[in-house]
Amino acid sequence: MNKGELVDAVAHKATVTKKQADAVLSAALETIMEAVAEGDKVTLVGFGSFESRERKAREGRNPKTGDKMEIPATKVPAFSAGKLFKERVAPPKD
């Protein structure tokens, strides 16, 4: 599912226009990205959490030459699925 398909589905479920659904979805995603970029954690209960994580510096290899190289430390965005989301994807077996 791409963003256009998601907008269509949200518009249908919320009984709003596609333009309204697109505006709300875009605003929500932009707000989440801004918050995570500032170091905040965004938690949507049942869905999951978005946060920034530190990735340590490490040694890698240049795939062309095989030479060793240092990969610098950096921050990366991370998502952790919530309990309800996990259960929807993989229902617990009885």
PDB file of N, CA and C in Angstrom:
ATOM      1  N   MET A   1       0.858  -1.176   0.000  1.00  0.00           N
ATOM      2  CA  MET A   1       0.000   0.000   0.000  1.00  0.00           C
ATOM      3  C   MET A   1       0.900   1.233   0.000  1.00  0.00           C
ATOM      4  N   ASN A   2       0.637   2.141  -0.925  1.00  0.00           N
ATOM      5  CA  ASN A   2       1.395   3.390  -0.954  1.00  0.00           C
ATOM      6  C   ASN A   2       0.578   4.505  -0.301  1.00  0.00           C
ATOM      7  N   LYS A   3       1.121   5.710  -0.263  1.00  0.00           N
ATOM      8  CA  LYS A   3       0.447   6.811   0.430  1.00  0.00           C
ATOM      9  C   LYS A   3      -0.918   7.117  -0.188  1.00  0.00           C
ATOM     10  N   GLY A   4      -1.013   7.105  -1.509  1.00  0.00           N
ATOM     11  CA  GLY A   4      -2.289   7.380  -2.180  1.00  0.00           C
ATOM     12  C   GLY A   4      -3.359   6.377  -1.794  1.00  0.00           C
ATOM     13  N   GLU A   5      -2.982   5.101  -1.743  1.00  0.00           N
ATOM     14  CA  GLU A   5      -3.928   4.056  -1.346  1.00  0.00           C
ATOM     15  C   GLU A   5      -4.318   4.213   0.123  1.00  0.00           C
ATOM     16  N   LEU A   6      -3.364   4.597   0.958  1.00  0.00           N
ATOM     17  CA  LEU A   6      -3.651   4.829   2.374  1.00  0.00           C
ATOM     18  C   LEU A   6      -4.618   5.996   2.537  1.00  0.00           C
ATOM     19  N   VAL A   7      -4.399   7.072   1.792  1.00  0.00           N
ATOM     20  CA  VAL A   7      -5.295   8.232   1.838  1.00  0.00           C
ATOM     21  C   VAL A   7      -6.703   7.814   1.433  1.00  0.00           C
ATOM     22  N   ASP A   8      -6.821   7.010   0.378  1.00  0.00           N
ATOM     23  CA  ASP A   8      -8.141   6.526  -0.062  1.00  0.00           C
ATOM     24  C   ASP A   8      -8.829   5.724   1.038  1.00  0.00           C
ATOM     25  N   ALA A   9      -8.083   4.824   1.687  1.00  0.00           N
ATOM     26  CA  ALA A   9      -8.652   3.985   2.742  1.00  0.00           C
ATOM     27  C   ALA A   9      -9.070   4.816   3.953  1.00  0.00           C
ATOM     28  N   VAL A  10      -8.245   5.785   4.342  1.00  0.00           N
ATOM     29  CA  VAL A  10      -8.570   6.649   5.477  1.00  0.00           C
ATOM     30  C   VAL A  10      -9.799   7.495   5.151  1.00  0.00           C
ATOM     31  N   ALA A  11      -9.858   8.036   3.956  1.00  0.00           N
ATOM     32  CA  ALA A  11     -11.011   8.849   3.545  1.00  0.00           C
ATOM     33  C   ALA A  11     -12.288   8.026   3.610  1.00  0.00           C
ATOM     34  N   HIS A  12     -12.208   6.784   3.159  1.00  0.00           N
ATOM     35  CA  HIS A  12     -13.390   5.907   3.178  1.00  0.00           C
ATOM     36  C   HIS A  12     -13.817   5.580   4.613  1.00  0.00           C
ATOM     37  N   LYS A  13     -12.855   5.188   5.461  1.00  0.00           N
ATOM     38  CA  LYS A  13     -13.172   4.815   6.855  1.00  0.00           C
ATOM     39  C   LYS A  13     -13.665   5.994   7.683  1.00  0.00           C
ATOM     40  N   ALA A  14     -13.095   7.169   7.454  1.00  0.00           N
ATOM     41  CA  ALA A  14     -13.449   8.344   8.252  1.00  0.00           C
ATOM     42  C   ALA A  14     -14.577   9.158   7.608  1.00  0.00           C
ATOM     43  N   THR A  15     -15.057   8.704   6.466  1.00  0.00           N
ATOM     44  CA  THR A  15     -16.090   9.416   5.702  1.00  0.00           C
ATOM     45  C   THR A  15     -15.769  10.904   5.556  1.00  0.00           C
ATOM     46  N   VAL A  16     -14.559  11.163   5.049  1.00  0.00           N
ATOM     47  CA  VAL A  16     -14.118  12.518   4.722  1.00  0.00           C
ATOM     48  C   VAL A  16     -13.626  12.493   3.277  1.00  0.00           C
ATOM     49  N   THR A  17     -13.360  13.663   2.726  1.00  0.00           N
ATOM     50  CA  THR A  17     -12.852  13.709   1.361  1.00  0.00           C
ATOM     51  C   THR A  17     -11.404  13.237   1.324  1.00  0.00           C
ATOM     52  N   LYS A  18     -10.963  12.842   0.139  1.00  0.00           N
ATOM     53  CA  LYS A  18      -9.570  12.419  -0.016  1.00  0.00           C
ATOM     54  C   LYS A  18      -8.632  13.580   0.279  1.00  0.00           C
ATOM     55  N   LYS A  19      -9.029  14.791  -0.085  1.00  0.00           N
ATOM     56  CA  LYS A  19      -8.202  15.968   0.168  1.00  0.00           C
ATOM     57  C   LYS A  19      -8.027  16.184   1.671  1.00  0.00           C
ATOM     58  N   GLN A  20      -9.109  16.030   2.432  1.00  0.00           N
ATOM     59  CA  GLN A  20      -9.034  16.188   3.893  1.00  0.00           C
ATOM     60  C   GLN A  20      -8.170  15.085   4.499  1.00  0.00           C
ATOM     61  N   ALA A  21      -8.379  13.855   4.050  1.00  0.00           N
ATOM     62  CA  ALA A  21      -7.607  12.726   4.580  1.00  0.00           C
ATOM     63  C   ALA A  21      -6.122  12.912   4.286  1.00  0.00           C
ATOM     64  N   ASP A  22      -5.803  13.376   3.077  1.00  0.00           N
ATOM     65  CA  ASP A  22      -4.401  13.603   2.702  1.00  0.00           C
ATOM     66  C   ASP A  22      -3.777  14.689   3.577  1.00  0.00           C
ATOM     67  N   ALA A  23      -4.523  15.761   3.833  1.00  0.00           N
ATOM     68  CA  ALA A  23      -4.009  16.863   4.655  1.00  0.00           C
ATOM     69  C   ALA A  23      -3.725  16.388   6.080  1.00  0.00           C
ATOM     70  N   VAL A  24      -4.642  15.617   6.646  1.00  0.00           N
ATOM     71  CA  VAL A  24      -4.476  15.132   8.024  1.00  0.00           C
ATOM     72  C   VAL A  24      -3.330  14.123   8.101  1.00  0.00           C
ATOM     73  N   LEU A  25      -3.288  13.192   7.155  1.00  0.00           N
ATOM     74  CA  LEU A  25      -2.231  12.186   7.159  1.00  0.00           C
ATOM     75  C   LEU A  25      -0.857  12.834   6.983  1.00  0.00           C
ATOM     76  N   SER A  26      -0.753  13.764   6.047  1.00  0.00           N
ATOM     77  CA  SER A  26       0.524  14.458   5.813  1.00  0.00           C
ATOM     78  C   SER A  26       0.955  15.248   7.045  1.00  0.00           C
ATOM     79  N   ALA A  27       0.006  15.923   7.687  1.00  0.00           N
ATOM     80  CA  ALA A  27       0.323  16.701   8.888  1.00  0.00           C
ATOM     81  C   ALA A  27       0.783  15.783  10.023  1.00  0.00           C
ATOM     82  N   ALA A  28       0.115  14.635  10.179  1.00  0.00           N
ATOM     83  CA  ALA A  28       0.480  13.697  11.240  1.00  0.00           C
ATOM     84  C   ALA A  28       1.892  13.147  11.008  1.00  0.00           C
ATOM     85  N   LEU A  29       2.177  12.736   9.787  1.00  0.00           N
ATOM     86  CA  LEU A  29       3.505  12.182   9.489  1.00  0.00           C
ATOM     87  C   LEU A  29       4.598  13.230   9.654  1.00  0.00           C
ATOM     88  N   GLU A  30       4.338  14.453   9.195  1.00  0.00           N
ATOM     89  CA  GLU A  30       5.318  15.536   9.331  1.00  0.00           C
ATOM     90  C   GLU A  30       5.583  15.844  10.811  1.00  0.00           C
ATOM     91  N   THR A  31       4.536  15.855  11.617  1.00  0.00           N
ATOM     92  CA  THR A  31       4.674  16.124  13.049  1.00  0.00           C
ATOM     93  C   THR A  31       5.491  15.029  13.733  1.00  0.00           C
ATOM     94  N   ILE A  32       5.248  13.771  13.363  1.00  0.00           N
ATOM     95  CA  ILE A  32       6.016  12.656  13.929  1.00  0.00           C
ATOM     96  C   ILE A  32       7.490  12.788  13.548  1.00  0.00           C
ATOM     97  N   MET A  33       7.765  13.079  12.274  1.00  0.00           N
ATOM     98  CA  MET A  33       9.156  13.222  11.832  1.00  0.00           C
ATOM     99  C   MET A  33       9.858  14.370  12.543  1.00  0.00           C
ATOM    100  N   GLU A  34       9.181  15.496  12.714  1.00  0.00           N
ATOM    101  CA  GLU A  34       9.779  16.643  13.406  1.00  0.00           C
ATOM    102  C   GLU A  34      10.096  16.305  14.854  1.00  0.00           C
ATOM    103  N   ALA A  35       9.146  15.645  15.534  1.00  0.00           N
ATOM    104  CA  ALA A  35       9.350  15.297  16.942  1.00  0.00           C
ATOM    105  C   ALA A  35      10.524  14.340  17.110  1.00  0.00           C
ATOM    106  N   VAL A  36      10.599  13.311  16.269  1.00  0.00           N
ATOM    107  CA  VAL A  36      11.689  12.332  16.366  1.00  0.00           C
ATOM    108  C   VAL A  36      13.029  12.999  16.030  1.00  0.00           C
ATOM    109  N   ALA A  37      13.037  13.898  15.043  1.00  0.00           N
ATOM    110  CA  ALA A  37      14.265  14.606  14.677  1.00  0.00           C
ATOM    111  C   ALA A  37      14.773  15.466  15.826  1.00  0.00           C
ATOM    112  N   GLU A  38      13.861  15.963  16.668  1.00  0.00           N
ATOM    113  CA  GLU A  38      14.243  16.779  17.827  1.00  0.00           C
ATOM    114  C   GLU A  38      14.615  15.928  19.035  1.00  0.00           C
ATOM    115  N   GLY A  39      14.547  14.605  18.903  1.00  0.00           N
ATOM    116  CA  GLY A  39      14.931  13.713  19.991  1.00  0.00           C
ATOM    117  C   GLY A  39      13.780  13.234  20.851  1.00  0.00           C
ATOM    118  N   ASP A  40      12.556  13.600  20.492  1.00  0.00           N
ATOM    119  CA  ASP A  40      11.394  13.147  21.260  1.00  0.00           C
ATOM    120  C   ASP A  40      10.983  11.745  20.821  1.00  0.00           C
ATOM    121  N   LYS A  41      10.287  11.052  21.704  1.00  0.00           N
ATOM    122  CA  LYS A  41       9.711   9.747  21.389  1.00  0.00           C
ATOM    123  C   LYS A  41       8.215   9.953  21.192  1.00  0.00           C
ATOM    124  N   VAL A  42       7.663   9.410  20.120  1.00  0.00           N
ATOM    125  CA  VAL A  42       6.238   9.528  19.830  1.00  0.00           C
ATOM    126  C   VAL A  42       5.615   8.153  20.027  1.00  0.00           C
ATOM    127  N   THR A  43       4.679   8.055  20.979  1.00  0.00           N
ATOM    128  CA  THR A  43       4.034   6.784  21.280  1.00  0.00           C
ATOM    129  C   THR A  43       2.557   6.857  20.941  1.00  0.00           C
ATOM    130  N   LEU A  44       2.116   5.934  20.109  1.00  0.00           N
ATOM    131  CA  LEU A  44       0.702   5.800  19.766  1.00  0.00           C
ATOM    132  C   LEU A  44       0.263   4.468  20.356  1.00  0.00           C
ATOM    133  N   VAL A  45      -0.453   4.519  21.483  1.00  0.00           N
ATOM    134  CA  VAL A  45      -0.817   3.327  22.232  1.00  0.00           C
ATOM    135  C   VAL A  45      -1.537   2.335  21.325  1.00  0.00           C
ATOM    136  N   GLY A  46      -1.078   1.091  21.359  1.00  0.00           N
ATOM    137  CA  GLY A  46      -1.651   0.036  20.543  1.00  0.00           C
ATOM    138  C   GLY A  46      -1.001  -0.066  19.171  1.00  0.00           C
ATOM    139  N   PHE A  47      -0.490   1.046  18.646  1.00  0.00           N
ATOM    140  CA  PHE A  47       0.133   1.039  17.319  1.00  0.00           C
ATOM    141  C   PHE A  47       1.638   0.845  17.428  1.00  0.00           C
ATOM    142  N   GLY A  48       2.305   1.742  18.177  1.00  0.00           N
ATOM    143  CA  GLY A  48       3.744   1.616  18.328  1.00  0.00           C
ATOM    144  C   GLY A  48       4.408   2.921  18.699  1.00  0.00           C
ATOM    145  N   SER A  49       5.735   2.910  18.713  1.00  0.00           N
ATOM    146  CA  SER A  49       6.522   4.068  19.107  1.00  0.00           C
ATOM    147  C   SER A  49       7.567   4.388  18.044  1.00  0.00           C
ATOM    148  N   PHE A  50       7.746   5.679  17.814  1.00  0.00           N
ATOM    149  CA  PHE A  50       8.774   6.183  16.917  1.00  0.00           C
ATOM    150  C   PHE A  50       9.801   6.893  17.771  1.00  0.00           C
ATOM    151  N   GLU A  51      11.094   6.646  17.514  1.00  0.00           N
ATOM    152  CA  GLU A  51      12.137   7.315  18.267  1.00  0.00           C
ATOM    153  C   GLU A  51      13.425   7.369  17.465  1.00  0.00           C
ATOM    154  N   SER A  52      14.357   8.154  17.966  1.00  0.00           N
ATOM    155  CA  SER A  52      15.684   8.266  17.362  1.00  0.00           C
ATOM    156  C   SER A  52      16.625   7.403  18.184  1.00  0.00           C
ATOM    157  N   ARG A  53      17.454   6.608  17.525  1.00  0.00           N
ATOM    158  CA  ARG A  53      18.422   5.765  18.225  1.00  0.00           C
ATOM    159  C   ARG A  53      19.824   6.067  17.735  1.00  0.00           C
ATOM    160  N   GLU A  54      20.773   5.921  18.645  1.00  0.00           N
ATOM    161  CA  GLU A  54      22.186   6.119  18.318  1.00  0.00           C
ATOM    162  C   GLU A  54      22.731   4.827  17.722  1.00  0.00           C
ATOM    163  N   ARG A  55      23.432   4.946  16.623  1.00  0.00           N
ATOM    164  CA  ARG A  55      24.132   3.801  16.046  1.00  0.00           C
ATOM    165  C   ARG A  55      25.619   4.056  16.256  1.00  0.00           C
ATOM    166  N   LYS A  56      26.302   3.112  16.892  1.00  0.00           N
ATOM    167  CA  LYS A  56      27.724   3.267  17.211  1.00  0.00           C
ATOM    168  C   LYS A  56      28.580   3.238  15.952  1.00  0.00           C
ATOM    169  N   ALA A  57      29.758   3.839  16.071  1.00  0.00           N
ATOM    170  CA  ALA A  57      30.734   3.752  14.980  1.00  0.00           C
ATOM    171  C   ALA A  57      31.161   2.293  14.869  1.00  0.00           C
ATOM    172  N   ARG A  58      31.421   1.866  13.644  1.00  0.00           N
ATOM    173  CA  ARG A  58      31.816   0.473  13.467  1.00  0.00           C
ATOM    174  C   ARG A  58      32.715   0.346  12.240  1.00  0.00           C
ATOM    175  N   GLU A  59      33.348  -0.802  12.142  1.00  0.00           N
ATOM    176  CA  GLU A  59      34.231  -1.055  11.010  1.00  0.00           C
ATOM    177  C   GLU A  59      33.441  -1.777   9.929  1.00  0.00           C
ATOM    178  N   GLY A  60      33.584  -1.331   8.701  1.00  0.00           N
ATOM    179  CA  GLY A  60      32.925  -1.982   7.582  1.00  0.00           C
ATOM    180  C   GLY A  60      33.931  -2.256   6.483  1.00  0.00           C
ATOM    181  N   ARG A  61      33.435  -2.727   5.350  1.00  0.00           N
ATOM    182  CA  ARG A  61      34.299  -3.006   4.212  1.00  0.00           C
ATOM    183  C   ARG A  61      33.712  -2.367   2.965  1.00  0.00           C
ATOM    184  N   ASN A  62      34.585  -1.826   2.143  1.00  0.00           N
ATOM    185  CA  ASN A  62      34.170  -1.285   0.860  1.00  0.00           C
ATOM    186  C   ASN A  62      33.816  -2.479  -0.025  1.00  0.00           C
ATOM    187  N   PRO A  63      32.564  -2.577  -0.504  1.00  0.00           N
ATOM    188  CA  PRO A  63      32.178  -3.757  -1.283  1.00  0.00           C
ATOM    189  C   PRO A  63      32.948  -3.912  -2.602  1.00  0.00           C
ATOM    190  N   LYS A  64      33.420  -2.808  -3.173  1.00  0.00           N
ATOM    191  CA  LYS A  64      34.171  -2.896  -4.436  1.00  0.00           C
ATOM    192  C   LYS A  64      35.583  -3.412  -4.233  1.00  0.00           C
ATOM    193  N   THR A  65      36.270  -2.831  -3.243  1.00  0.00           N
ATOM    194  CA  THR A  65      37.692  -3.146  -3.066  1.00  0.00           C
ATOM    195  C   THR A  65      37.960  -4.132  -1.937  1.00  0.00           C
ATOM    196  N   GLY A  66      37.028  -4.254  -1.004  1.00  0.00           N
ATOM    197  CA  GLY A  66      37.245  -5.122   0.148  1.00  0.00           C
ATOM    198  C   GLY A  66      38.060  -4.454   1.239  1.00  0.00           C
ATOM    199  N   ASP A  67      38.467  -3.180   1.035  1.00  0.00           N
ATOM    200  CA  ASP A  67      39.257  -2.459   2.036  1.00  0.00           C
ATOM    201  C   ASP A  67      38.415  -2.158   3.261  1.00  0.00           C
ATOM    202  N   LYS A  68      39.072  -2.210   4.437  1.00  0.00           N
ATOM    203  CA  LYS A  68      38.396  -1.863   5.675  1.00  0.00           C
ATOM    204  C   LYS A  68      38.185  -0.357   5.728  1.00  0.00           C
ATOM    205  N   MET A  69      37.054   0.057   6.316  1.00  0.00           N
ATOM    206  CA  MET A  69      36.792   1.485   6.477  1.00  0.00           C
ATOM    207  C   MET A  69      35.987   1.704   7.750  1.00  0.00           C
ATOM    208  N   GLU A  70      36.125   2.883   8.305  1.00  0.00           N
ATOM    209  CA  GLU A  70      35.409   3.231   9.540  1.00  0.00           C
ATOM    210  C   GLU A  70      34.070   3.861   9.160  1.00  0.00           C
ATOM    211  N   ILE A  71      32.978   3.302   9.696  1.00  0.00           N
ATOM    212  CA  ILE A  71      31.648   3.870   9.483  1.00  0.00           C
ATOM    213  C   ILE A  71      31.344   4.702  10.727  1.00  0.00           C
ATOM    214  N   PRO A  72      31.113   6.008  10.569  1.00  0.00           N
ATOM    215  CA  PRO A  72      30.933   6.875  11.737  1.00  0.00           C
ATOM    216  C   PRO A  72      29.621   6.622  12.481  1.00  0.00           C
ATOM    217  N   ALA A  73      29.584   7.035  13.746  1.00  0.00           N
ATOM    218  CA  ALA A  73      28.365   6.945  14.555  1.00  0.00           C
ATOM    219  C   ALA A  73      27.322   7.880  13.951  1.00  0.00           C
ATOM    220  N   THR A  74      26.061   7.529  14.102  1.00  0.00           N
ATOM    221  CA  THR A  74      24.982   8.355  13.568  1.00  0.00           C
ATOM    222  C   THR A  74      23.688   8.087  14.317  1.00  0.00           C
ATOM    223  N   LYS A  75      22.706   8.918  14.077  1.00  0.00           N
ATOM    224  CA  LYS A  75      21.368   8.701  14.628  1.00  0.00           C
ATOM    225  C   LYS A  75      20.488   8.136  13.531  1.00  0.00           C
ATOM    226  N   VAL A  76      19.623   7.198  13.887  1.00  0.00           N
ATOM    227  CA  VAL A  76      18.701   6.613  12.918  1.00  0.00           C
ATOM    228  C   VAL A  76      17.290   6.592  13.502  1.00  0.00           C
ATOM    229  N   PRO A  77      16.269   6.740  12.658  1.00  0.00           N
ATOM    230  CA  PRO A  77      14.904   6.625  13.156  1.00  0.00           C
ATOM    231  C   PRO A  77      14.578   5.153  13.399  1.00  0.00           C
ATOM    232  N   ALA A  78      13.735   4.901  14.410  1.00  0.00           N
ATOM    233  CA  ALA A  78      13.362   3.527  14.732  1.00  0.00           C
ATOM    234  C   ALA A  78      11.885   3.464  15.071  1.00  0.00           C
ATOM    235  N   PHE A  79      11.265   2.340  14.743  1.00  0.00           N
ATOM    236  CA  PHE A  79       9.858   2.105  15.063  1.00  0.00           C
ATOM    237  C   PHE A  79       9.752   0.791  15.805  1.00  0.00           C
ATOM    238  N   SER A  80       9.008   0.782  16.906  1.00  0.00           N
ATOM    239  CA  SER A  80       8.728  -0.441  17.647  1.00  0.00           C
ATOM    240  C   SER A  80       7.229  -0.644  17.637  1.00  0.00           C
ATOM    241  N   ALA A  81       6.777  -1.761  17.114  1.00  0.00           N
ATOM    242  CA  ALA A  81       5.343  -2.037  17.038  1.00  0.00           C
ATOM    243  C   ALA A  81       4.769  -2.264  18.430  1.00  0.00           C
ATOM    244  N   GLY A  82       3.542  -1.797  18.640  1.00  0.00           N
ATOM    245  CA  GLY A  82       2.842  -1.988  19.905  1.00  0.00           C
ATOM    246  C   GLY A  82       2.212  -3.367  19.984  1.00  0.00           C
ATOM    247  N   LYS A  83       1.733  -3.716  21.150  1.00  0.00           N
ATOM    248  CA  LYS A  83       1.173  -5.040  21.392  1.00  0.00           C
ATOM    249  C   LYS A  83      -0.004  -5.345  20.469  1.00  0.00           C
ATOM    250  N   LEU A  84      -0.939  -4.407  20.336  1.00  0.00           N
ATOM    251  CA  LEU A  84      -2.113  -4.624  19.493  1.00  0.00           C
ATOM    252  C   LEU A  84      -1.722  -4.829  18.038  1.00  0.00           C
ATOM    253  N   PHE A  85      -0.772  -4.031  17.554  1.00  0.00           N
ATOM    254  CA  PHE A  85      -0.282  -4.139  16.182  1.00  0.00           C
ATOM    255  C   PHE A  85       0.335  -5.522  15.964  1.00  0.00           C
ATOM    256  N   LYS A  86       1.195  -5.951  16.892  1.00  0.00           N
ATOM    257  CA  LYS A  86       1.848  -7.256  16.787  1.00  0.00           C
ATOM    258  C   LYS A  86       0.816  -8.377  16.753  1.00  0.00           C
ATOM    259  N   GLU A  87      -0.214  -8.262  17.600  1.00  0.00           N
ATOM    260  CA  GLU A  87      -1.250  -9.302  17.654  1.00  0.00           C
ATOM    261  C   GLU A  87      -2.082  -9.340  16.385  1.00  0.00           C
ATOM    262  N   ARG A  88      -2.283  -8.179  15.735  1.00  0.00           N
ATOM    263  CA  ARG A  88      -3.019  -8.149  14.466  1.00  0.00           C
ATOM    264  C   ARG A  88      -2.234  -8.838  13.359  1.00  0.00           C
ATOM    265  N   VAL A  89      -0.923  -8.631  13.366  1.00  0.00           N
ATOM    266  CA  VAL A  89      -0.066  -9.209  12.331  1.00  0.00           C
ATOM    267  C   VAL A  89       0.125 -10.707  12.557  1.00  0.00           C
ATOM    268  N   ALA A  90       0.375 -11.080  13.787  1.00  0.00           N
ATOM    269  CA  ALA A  90       0.598 -12.487  14.125  1.00  0.00           C
ATOM    270  C   ALA A  90      -0.233 -12.839  15.359  1.00  0.00           C
ATOM    271  N   PRO A  91      -1.506 -13.210  15.148  1.00  0.00           N
ATOM    272  CA  PRO A  91      -2.367 -13.539  16.291  1.00  0.00           C
ATOM    273  C   PRO A  91      -1.763 -14.662  17.134  1.00  0.00           C
ATOM    274  N   PRO A  92      -1.884 -14.532  18.476  1.00  0.00           N
ATOM    275  CA  PRO A  92      -1.329 -15.585  19.337  1.00  0.00           C
ATOM    276  C   PRO A  92      -2.055 -16.912  19.096  1.00  0.00           C
ATOM    277  N   LYS A  93      -1.288 -18.001  19.124  1.00  0.00           N
ATOM    278  CA  LYS A  93      -1.867 -19.327  18.902  1.00  0.00           C
ATOM    279  C   LYS A  93      -2.280 -19.916  20.241  1.00  0.00           C
ATOM    280  N   ASP A  94      -3.434 -20.488  20.257  1.00  0.00           N
ATOM    281  CA  ASP A  94      -3.948 -21.103  21.504  1.00  0.00           C
ATOM    282  C   ASP A  94      -3.413 -22.478  21.720  1.00  0.00           C
TER     283      ASP A  94
END
